[in-house]
Amino acid sequence: MTNNKKSKIELVVELDENQVPEALFWTAEDGGVNEEEAKAMLLSIWDSKNQETLRIDLWTKDMPVDEMKVFFHQTLVAMSDTFNRATQDEKMTATMKDFCDYFAEKLELK
């Protein structure tokens, strides 16, 4: 039997009386993160059995819209990098990067 190491990532969401997130905290002890506050999170999980993506998209009610735009842009850039590492599809990665540049330009982030 293999003795596999386990690593835990914990998310804590504080909700108001209407179930709207007021605060988000995350812990990843192996990464040196302990109850760090966040204003937004996007979590995608691949369900291989059903061949679909499950998602949790949360942001606090005090997340500024201008920061949300930057958050989305940086997430899209990171996704294109991850896509490249996972598939080595340089052509589609370049297309995704072009869209990221377009996205940033239209939102006047650059």
Protein backbone atom coordinates (compact mmCIF):
# COMPACT_ATOMS: atom_id res chain seq x y z
CA MET A 1 0.00 0.00 0.00
CA THR A 2 1.29 3.45 -0.92
CA ASN A 3 1.51 6.10 1.76
CA ASN A 4 0.36 9.13 -0.28
CA LYS A 5 0.72 12.58 1.20
CA LYS A 6 -2.45 14.66 1.39
CA SER A 7 -2.66 18.41 1.17
CA LYS A 8 -5.69 20.40 2.24
CA ILE A 9 -7.00 23.72 0.95
CA GLU A 10 -9.74 25.28 3.05
CA LEU A 11 -12.21 27.99 2.06
CA VAL A 12 -14.34 29.85 4.60
CA VAL A 13 -17.21 32.08 3.51
CA GLU A 14 -18.87 34.48 5.96
CA LEU A 15 -22.43 35.29 4.88
CA ASP A 16 -24.83 38.04 5.81
CA GLU A 17 -28.47 37.42 6.73
CA ASN A 18 -29.35 37.18 2.99
CA GLN A 19 -26.66 34.55 2.32
CA VAL A 20 -24.48 37.10 0.46
CA PRO A 21 -20.73 36.72 1.04
CA GLU A 22 -19.32 39.37 3.35
CA ALA A 23 -15.85 37.87 3.75
CA LEU A 24 -13.80 35.09 2.15
CA PHE A 25 -10.80 33.42 3.76
CA TRP A 26 -8.52 30.68 2.50
CA THR A 27 -5.89 28.44 4.03
CA ALA A 28 -3.30 26.28 2.29
CA GLU A 29 -0.85 25.27 4.99
CA ASP A 30 1.53 23.54 2.56
CA GLY A 31 1.77 26.84 0.69
CA GLY A 32 2.27 28.91 3.83
CA VAL A 33 -1.17 30.51 3.62
CA ASN A 34 -3.22 30.76 6.81
CA GLU A 35 -6.66 32.39 6.86
CA GLU A 36 -5.80 34.98 4.21
CA GLU A 37 -8.66 37.25 3.27
CA ALA A 38 -9.83 37.45 -0.34
CA LYS A 39 -12.48 39.53 -2.08
CA ALA A 40 -13.32 37.05 -4.85
CA MET A 41 -12.76 33.46 -5.92
CA LEU A 42 -13.48 31.31 -8.94
CA LEU A 43 -13.23 27.57 -8.42
CA SER A 44 -13.71 25.04 -11.22
CA ILE A 45 -13.86 21.29 -10.64
CA TRP A 46 -13.90 18.73 -13.48
CA ASP A 47 -16.48 16.00 -12.96
CA SER A 48 -15.08 13.24 -15.16
CA LYS A 49 -18.04 10.94 -14.57
CA ASN A 50 -20.55 13.46 -15.95
CA GLN A 51 -18.06 15.18 -18.28
CA GLU A 52 -18.89 18.63 -16.96
CA THR A 53 -17.34 21.49 -15.05
CA LEU A 54 -18.71 22.33 -11.62
CA ARG A 55 -18.16 25.88 -10.42
CA ILE A 56 -18.20 28.05 -7.37
CA ASP A 57 -17.97 31.77 -8.18
CA LEU A 58 -18.08 34.05 -5.14
CA TRP A 59 -17.20 37.64 -4.40
CA THR A 60 -17.84 39.81 -1.40
CA LYS A 61 -20.38 42.59 -1.59
CA ASP A 62 -17.61 45.16 -1.12
CA MET A 63 -15.51 43.90 -4.08
CA PRO A 64 -14.98 46.99 -6.25
CA VAL A 65 -15.98 46.65 -9.90
CA ASP A 66 -12.63 48.00 -11.12
CA GLU A 67 -10.82 45.30 -9.11
CA MET A 68 -13.23 42.66 -10.46
CA LYS A 69 -12.25 43.62 -14.00
CA VAL A 70 -8.54 43.23 -13.16
CA PHE A 71 -9.28 39.94 -11.37
CA PHE A 72 -11.04 38.57 -14.45
CA HIS A 73 -8.25 39.71 -16.78
CA GLN A 74 -5.56 38.12 -14.63
CA THR A 75 -7.64 34.93 -14.34
CA LEU A 76 -8.01 34.73 -18.12
CA VAL A 77 -4.25 35.20 -18.58
CA ALA A 78 -3.55 32.48 -15.99
CA MET A 79 -6.05 30.15 -17.69
CA SER A 80 -4.30 30.58 -21.04
CA ASP A 81 -0.95 29.75 -19.37
CA THR A 82 -2.49 26.69 -17.71
CA PHE A 83 -4.09 25.63 -20.99
CA ASN A 84 -0.68 25.80 -22.67
CA ARG A 85 1.02 23.74 -19.94
CA ALA A 86 -1.78 21.15 -20.03
CA THR A 87 -2.11 20.79 -23.82
CA GLN A 88 1.02 22.27 -25.42
CA ASP A 89 -1.37 23.76 -28.01
CA GLU A 90 0.65 26.84 -28.94
CA LYS A 91 -1.78 28.04 -31.63
CA MET A 92 -4.82 28.10 -29.34
CA THR A 93 -2.75 29.57 -26.51
CA ALA A 94 -1.77 32.45 -28.79
CA THR A 95 -5.44 32.96 -29.67
CA MET A 96 -6.36 33.01 -26.00
CA LYS A 97 -3.56 35.52 -25.27
CA ASP A 98 -4.82 37.72 -28.11
CA PHE A 99 -8.27 37.70 -26.49
CA CYS A 100 -6.71 38.61 -23.13
CA ASP A 101 -5.02 41.59 -24.76
CA TYR A 102 -8.32 42.59 -26.41
CA PHE A 103 -10.17 42.20 -23.10
CA ALA A 104 -7.63 44.43 -21.31
CA GLU A 105 -7.75 47.01 -24.09
CA LYS A 106 -11.56 47.22 -24.07
CA LEU A 107 -11.61 47.58 -20.28
CA GLU A 108 -8.74 50.08 -20.47
CA LEU A 109 -6.62 47.98 -18.11
CA LYS A 110 -3.38 48.48 -20.07
